[in-house]
Protein backbone atom coordinates (compact mmCIF):
# COMPACT_ATOMS: atom_id res chain seq x y z
CA UNK A 1 72.38 109.10 -117.64
CA UNK A 2 72.21 106.70 -114.86
CA UNK A 3 70.01 104.11 -115.67
CA UNK A 4 68.82 103.73 -112.19
CA UNK A 5 67.59 107.29 -112.27
CA UNK A 6 65.36 106.22 -114.87
CA UNK A 7 64.24 103.23 -113.06
CA UNK A 8 63.59 105.32 -110.05
CA UNK A 9 61.30 107.59 -112.22
CA UNK A 10 59.44 104.82 -113.72
CA UNK A 11 58.93 103.55 -110.19
CA UNK A 12 57.50 106.70 -109.01
CA UNK A 13 60.44 107.39 -106.70
CA UNK A 14 62.05 110.41 -108.49
CA UNK A 15 59.96 113.15 -109.82
CA UNK A 16 60.33 114.29 -113.68
CA UNK A 17 61.60 117.60 -112.18
CA UNK A 18 64.49 115.88 -110.56
CA UNK A 19 65.13 113.71 -113.48
CA UNK A 20 65.21 116.73 -115.82
CA UNK A 21 67.50 118.33 -113.46
CA UNK A 22 70.00 115.63 -113.19
CA UNK A 23 70.24 115.04 -117.12
CA UNK A 24 70.31 118.68 -118.09
CA UNK A 25 74.04 119.06 -118.22
CA UNK A 26 74.39 115.99 -120.82
CA UNK A 27 71.34 116.75 -122.65
CA UNK A 28 72.69 120.26 -123.35
CA UNK A 29 76.16 119.01 -124.18
CA UNK A 30 74.31 116.47 -126.41
CA UNK A 31 72.41 119.06 -128.28
CA UNK A 32 75.39 121.52 -128.45
CA UNK A 33 77.51 118.77 -130.55
CA UNK A 34 74.22 117.99 -132.63
CA UNK A 35 73.85 121.53 -133.57
CA UNK A 36 77.65 121.40 -134.68
CA UNK A 37 77.02 118.54 -136.95
CA UNK A 38 79.47 116.41 -134.82
CA UNK A 39 78.87 113.05 -133.32
CA UNK A 40 76.67 113.39 -130.20
CA UNK A 41 77.54 110.43 -127.55
CA UNK A 42 74.83 109.34 -125.34
CA UNK A 43 76.26 108.91 -121.81
CA UNK A 44 74.73 105.80 -120.24
CA UNK A 45 75.70 104.52 -116.69
CA UNK A 46 74.31 101.20 -116.41
CA UNK A 47 72.29 100.09 -113.34
CA UNK A 48 70.17 97.17 -112.35
CA UNK A 49 68.65 95.33 -115.28
CA UNK A 50 64.95 96.79 -115.78
CA UNK A 51 62.25 96.02 -118.46
CA UNK A 52 60.31 98.78 -119.98
CA UNK A 53 56.65 98.42 -120.30
CA UNK A 54 54.03 100.39 -122.27
CA UNK A 55 52.94 101.86 -119.04
CA UNK A 56 56.61 103.34 -118.73
CA UNK A 57 56.34 104.90 -122.34
CA UNK A 58 52.92 106.12 -121.76
CA UNK A 59 54.02 107.90 -118.79
CA UNK A 60 56.87 109.64 -120.66
CA UNK A 61 54.67 110.53 -123.57
CA UNK A 62 52.04 111.68 -121.18
CA UNK A 63 54.35 114.21 -119.63
CA UNK A 64 55.59 115.26 -123.10
CA UNK A 65 52.08 116.00 -124.06
CA UNK A 66 51.39 118.20 -121.04
CA UNK A 67 54.76 120.19 -121.45
CA UNK A 68 56.39 118.61 -118.29
CA UNK A 69 59.10 117.12 -120.34
CA UNK A 70 60.67 118.58 -123.62
CA UNK A 71 60.88 116.92 -126.69
CA UNK A 72 64.65 116.85 -126.75
CA UNK A 73 64.78 115.24 -123.15
CA UNK A 74 62.22 112.60 -124.42
CA UNK A 75 64.55 111.87 -127.63
CA UNK A 76 67.74 111.70 -125.03
CA UNK A 77 65.95 109.32 -122.74
CA UNK A 78 64.75 107.12 -125.65
CA UNK A 79 68.36 106.94 -126.80
CA UNK A 80 69.52 106.09 -123.21
CA UNK A 81 66.90 103.20 -123.13
CA UNK A 82 67.77 102.08 -126.47
CA UNK A 83 71.58 101.99 -126.07
CA UNK A 84 71.32 100.63 -122.60
CA UNK A 85 72.86 96.95 -122.28
CA UNK A 86 70.66 96.41 -119.12
CA UNK A 87 67.31 97.89 -120.22
CA UNK A 88 65.11 95.56 -122.13
CA UNK A 89 61.73 95.94 -123.66
CA UNK A 90 58.56 94.00 -122.64
CA UNK A 91 57.77 93.34 -126.48
CA UNK A 92 58.62 94.39 -129.76
CA UNK A 93 56.05 97.17 -130.16
CA UNK A 94 57.82 99.08 -127.02
CA UNK A 95 61.10 98.58 -128.67
CA UNK A 96 59.98 100.18 -131.92
CA UNK A 97 58.31 103.17 -130.22
CA UNK A 98 61.45 103.75 -128.15
CA UNK A 99 63.42 103.90 -131.55
CA UNK A 100 60.95 106.25 -133.27
CA UNK A 101 60.87 108.51 -130.10
CA UNK A 102 64.87 108.79 -129.88
CA UNK A 103 65.48 109.27 -133.63
CA UNK A 104 63.73 112.72 -134.69
CA UNK A 105 66.12 113.15 -137.56
CA UNK A 106 65.18 110.03 -139.16
CA UNK A 107 61.56 109.76 -137.89
CA UNK A 108 60.64 113.41 -137.74
CA UNK A 109 59.11 115.48 -134.77
CA UNK A 110 56.84 114.12 -132.55
CA UNK A 111 53.44 115.58 -133.36
CA UNK A 112 49.81 114.88 -131.91
CA UNK A 113 48.94 112.32 -134.71
CA UNK A 114 51.96 110.22 -133.99
CA UNK A 115 51.54 110.43 -130.39
CA UNK A 116 48.09 109.09 -130.63
CA UNK A 117 49.09 106.42 -132.84
CA UNK A 118 51.58 105.48 -130.08
CA UNK A 119 48.99 105.46 -127.66
CA UNK A 120 46.56 103.28 -129.47
CA UNK A 121 49.53 100.81 -130.24
CA UNK A 122 50.51 100.61 -126.59
CA UNK A 123 47.09 100.30 -125.34
CA UNK A 124 46.02 97.54 -127.20
CA UNK A 125 45.48 94.11 -125.72
CA UNK A 126 48.68 92.08 -125.43
CA UNK A 127 51.14 95.11 -125.99
């Protein structure tokens, strides 16, 4: 995934539909390898430095809740953000949320209760 595409999405310069279309081949390959029990690399093409904010994460979660973004894509985007050398997080809460959404095997699937907790955490003052 080109991190520049993710940045364009966060800046409302690229629609979620176009972002999903762009990353579908690599997400499908990633899922295919996971199903085989193999190592599933995350393809990160570094772009400009970017700091992920609570607003960015809430945008992704909102799209997931509205079923405009599948969980597997949200997980993959989380992996890309987590592994990118040029993407930083505004604070530790955001970093932890990205870790949780990118690791369903460790943290379980994203359910309504968990997403509500993320909303509260990221919407609190000074997050």
